[in-house]
C-alpha atoms as a PDB file:
ATOM      1  CA  UNK A   1      10.467  -3.878 -24.532  1.00  0.00           C
ATOM      2  CA  UNK A   2       9.256  -1.393 -21.927  1.00  0.00           C
ATOM      3  CA  UNK A   3       9.085  -3.869 -19.047  1.00  0.00           C
ATOM      4  CA  UNK A   4      12.476  -2.920 -17.493  1.00  0.00           C
ATOM      5  CA  UNK A   5      11.544   0.761 -17.710  1.00  0.00           C
ATOM      6  CA  UNK A   6       8.269   0.052 -15.907  1.00  0.00           C
ATOM      7  CA  UNK A   7      10.055  -1.659 -13.023  1.00  0.00           C
ATOM      8  CA  UNK A   8      12.662   1.100 -12.812  1.00  0.00           C
ATOM      9  CA  UNK A   9       9.887   3.671 -12.507  1.00  0.00           C
ATOM     10  CA  UNK A  10       8.028   1.538  -9.946  1.00  0.00           C
ATOM     11  CA  UNK A  11      11.203   1.114  -7.873  1.00  0.00           C
ATOM     12  CA  UNK A  12      11.783   4.864  -7.980  1.00  0.00           C
ATOM     13  CA  UNK A  13       8.205   5.538  -6.868  1.00  0.00           C
ATOM     14  CA  UNK A  14       8.481   3.052  -3.984  1.00  0.00           C
ATOM     15  CA  UNK A  15      11.718   4.719  -2.855  1.00  0.00           C
ATOM     16  CA  UNK A  16      10.071   8.151  -2.966  1.00  0.00           C
ATOM     17  CA  UNK A  17       7.110   6.819  -0.969  1.00  0.00           C
ATOM     18  CA  UNK A  18       9.416   5.275   1.661  1.00  0.00           C
ATOM     19  CA  UNK A  19      11.429   8.476   2.049  1.00  0.00           C
ATOM     20  CA  UNK A  20       8.261  10.564   2.140  1.00  0.00           C
ATOM     21  CA  UNK A  21       6.771   8.343   4.860  1.00  0.00           C
ATOM     22  CA  UNK A  22       9.607   9.305   7.201  1.00  0.00           C
ATOM     23  CA  UNK A  23       8.954  13.020   6.666  1.00  0.00           C
ATOM     24  CA  UNK A  24       5.204  12.488   6.893  1.00  0.00           C
ATOM     25  CA  UNK A  25       5.575  10.749  10.260  1.00  0.00           C
ATOM     26  CA  UNK A  26       7.823  13.537  11.565  1.00  0.00           C
ATOM     27  CA  UNK A  27       5.411  16.199  10.311  1.00  0.00           C
ATOM     28  CA  UNK A  28       2.503  14.547  12.144  1.00  0.00           C
ATOM     29  CA  UNK A  29       4.706  14.138  15.237  1.00  0.00           C
ATOM     30  CA  UNK A  30       4.205  10.379  15.301  1.00  0.00           C
ATOM     31  CA  UNK A  31       6.508   8.445  17.597  1.00  0.00           C
ATOM     32  CA  UNK A  32       7.518   5.650  15.263  1.00  0.00           C
ATOM     33  CA  UNK A  33       9.658   2.687  16.259  1.00  0.00           C
ATOM     34  CA  UNK A  34      10.648  -0.509  14.473  1.00  0.00           C
ATOM     35  CA  UNK A  35       7.470  -2.495  14.897  1.00  0.00           C
ATOM     36  CA  UNK A  36       5.265   0.460  13.876  1.00  0.00           C
ATOM     37  CA  UNK A  37       7.306   0.858  10.703  1.00  0.00           C
ATOM     38  CA  UNK A  38       7.009  -2.896  10.119  1.00  0.00           C
ATOM     39  CA  UNK A  39       3.206  -2.783  10.482  1.00  0.00           C
ATOM     40  CA  UNK A  40       3.037   0.210   8.150  1.00  0.00           C
ATOM     41  CA  UNK A  41       5.229  -1.549   5.580  1.00  0.00           C
ATOM     42  CA  UNK A  42       3.110  -4.715   5.845  1.00  0.00           C
ATOM     43  CA  UNK A  43      -0.050  -2.684   5.224  1.00  0.00           C
ATOM     44  CA  UNK A  44       1.567  -0.991   2.207  1.00  0.00           C
ATOM     45  CA  UNK A  45       2.646  -4.352   0.745  1.00  0.00           C
ATOM     46  CA  UNK A  46      -0.834  -5.826   1.245  1.00  0.00           C
ATOM     47  CA  UNK A  47      -2.383  -2.746  -0.387  1.00  0.00           C
ATOM     48  CA  UNK A  48      -0.089  -3.176  -3.393  1.00  0.00           C
ATOM     49  CA  UNK A  49      -0.917  -6.881  -3.657  1.00  0.00           C
ATOM     50  CA  UNK A  50      -4.623  -6.015  -3.554  1.00  0.00           C
ATOM     51  CA  UNK A  51      -4.296  -3.511  -6.371  1.00  0.00           C
ATOM     52  CA  UNK A  52      -2.034  -5.759  -8.450  1.00  0.00           C
ATOM     53  CA  UNK A  53      -4.272  -8.803  -7.946  1.00  0.00           C
ATOM     54  CA  UNK A  54      -7.451  -6.974  -8.841  1.00  0.00           C
ATOM     55  CA  UNK A  55      -6.062  -5.389 -11.986  1.00  0.00           C
ATOM     56  CA  UNK A  56      -4.420  -8.669 -13.026  1.00  0.00           C
ATOM     57  CA  UNK A  57      -7.829 -10.320 -12.903  1.00  0.00           C
ATOM     58  CA  UNK A  58      -9.306  -7.461 -14.919  1.00  0.00           C
ATOM     59  CA  UNK A  59      -6.469  -7.771 -17.444  1.00  0.00           C
ATOM     60  CA  UNK A  60      -7.184 -11.484 -17.805  1.00  0.00           C
ATOM     61  CA  UNK A  61     -10.773 -10.661 -18.848  1.00  0.00           C
ATOM     62  CA  UNK A  62     -12.177 -11.565 -15.445  1.00  0.00           C
ATOM     63  CA  UNK A  63     -13.836  -8.193 -14.898  1.00  0.00           C
ATOM     64  CA  UNK A  64     -16.376  -9.356 -12.350  1.00  0.00           C
ATOM     65  CA  UNK A  65     -13.827 -11.271 -10.263  1.00  0.00           C
ATOM     66  CA  UNK A  66     -11.398  -8.347 -10.430  1.00  0.00           C
ATOM     67  CA  UNK A  67     -14.012  -5.862  -9.287  1.00  0.00           C
ATOM     68  CA  UNK A  68     -15.111  -8.123  -6.424  1.00  0.00           C
ATOM     69  CA  UNK A  69     -11.445  -8.622  -5.462  1.00  0.00           C
ATOM     70  CA  UNK A  70     -10.738  -4.878  -5.510  1.00  0.00           C
ATOM     71  CA  UNK A  71     -13.935  -4.021  -3.650  1.00  0.00           C
ATOM     72  CA  UNK A  72     -13.609  -6.658  -0.924  1.00  0.00           C
ATOM     73  CA  UNK A  73      -9.868  -6.512  -0.235  1.00  0.00           C
ATOM     74  CA  UNK A  74      -9.674  -2.786  -1.026  1.00  0.00           C
ATOM     75  CA  UNK A  75     -12.333  -2.089   1.579  1.00  0.00           C
ATOM     76  CA  UNK A  76     -10.453  -4.246   4.096  1.00  0.00           C
ATOM     77  CA  UNK A  77      -7.190  -2.411   3.368  1.00  0.00           C
ATOM     78  CA  UNK A  78      -8.859   0.984   3.803  1.00  0.00           C
ATOM     79  CA  UNK A  79     -10.368  -0.106   7.134  1.00  0.00           C
ATOM     80  CA  UNK A  80      -7.059  -1.609   8.292  1.00  0.00           C
ATOM     81  CA  UNK A  81      -5.240   1.534   7.154  1.00  0.00           C
ATOM     82  CA  UNK A  82      -7.482   3.811   9.208  1.00  0.00           C
ATOM     83  CA  UNK A  83      -7.209   1.452  12.164  1.00  0.00           C
ATOM     84  CA  UNK A  84      -3.421   1.318  11.880  1.00  0.00           C
ATOM     85  CA  UNK A  85      -3.193   5.100  11.659  1.00  0.00           C
ATOM     86  CA  UNK A  86      -5.354   5.594  14.758  1.00  0.00           C
ATOM     87  CA  UNK A  87      -3.381   2.923  16.606  1.00  0.00           C
ATOM     88  CA  UNK A  88      -0.073   4.606  15.726  1.00  0.00           C
ATOM     89  CA  UNK A  89      -1.427   8.092  16.449  1.00  0.00           C
ATOM     90  CA  UNK A  90      -2.794   7.023  19.859  1.00  0.00           C
ATOM     91  CA  UNK A  91       0.491   5.644  21.145  1.00  0.00           C
END
């Protein structure tokens, strides 16, 4: 019943995040081009898949697997996120 409403809200939030990313990059005076935006979008998609995958496992009563999934891939995404930010900031 509420599933379409959930996806409408999620789509709205993703649009707000995408628009905000442009202003965030300008505010930090980052020189962004197409491939930097593509790497940033790829990282954001992988972060979302990590969160969705982990909580799906938890929702399927696989608490231990979900926590391992979130911890392992979440840690990787945080490390890659910091690395991507420093790479973009440096150039």
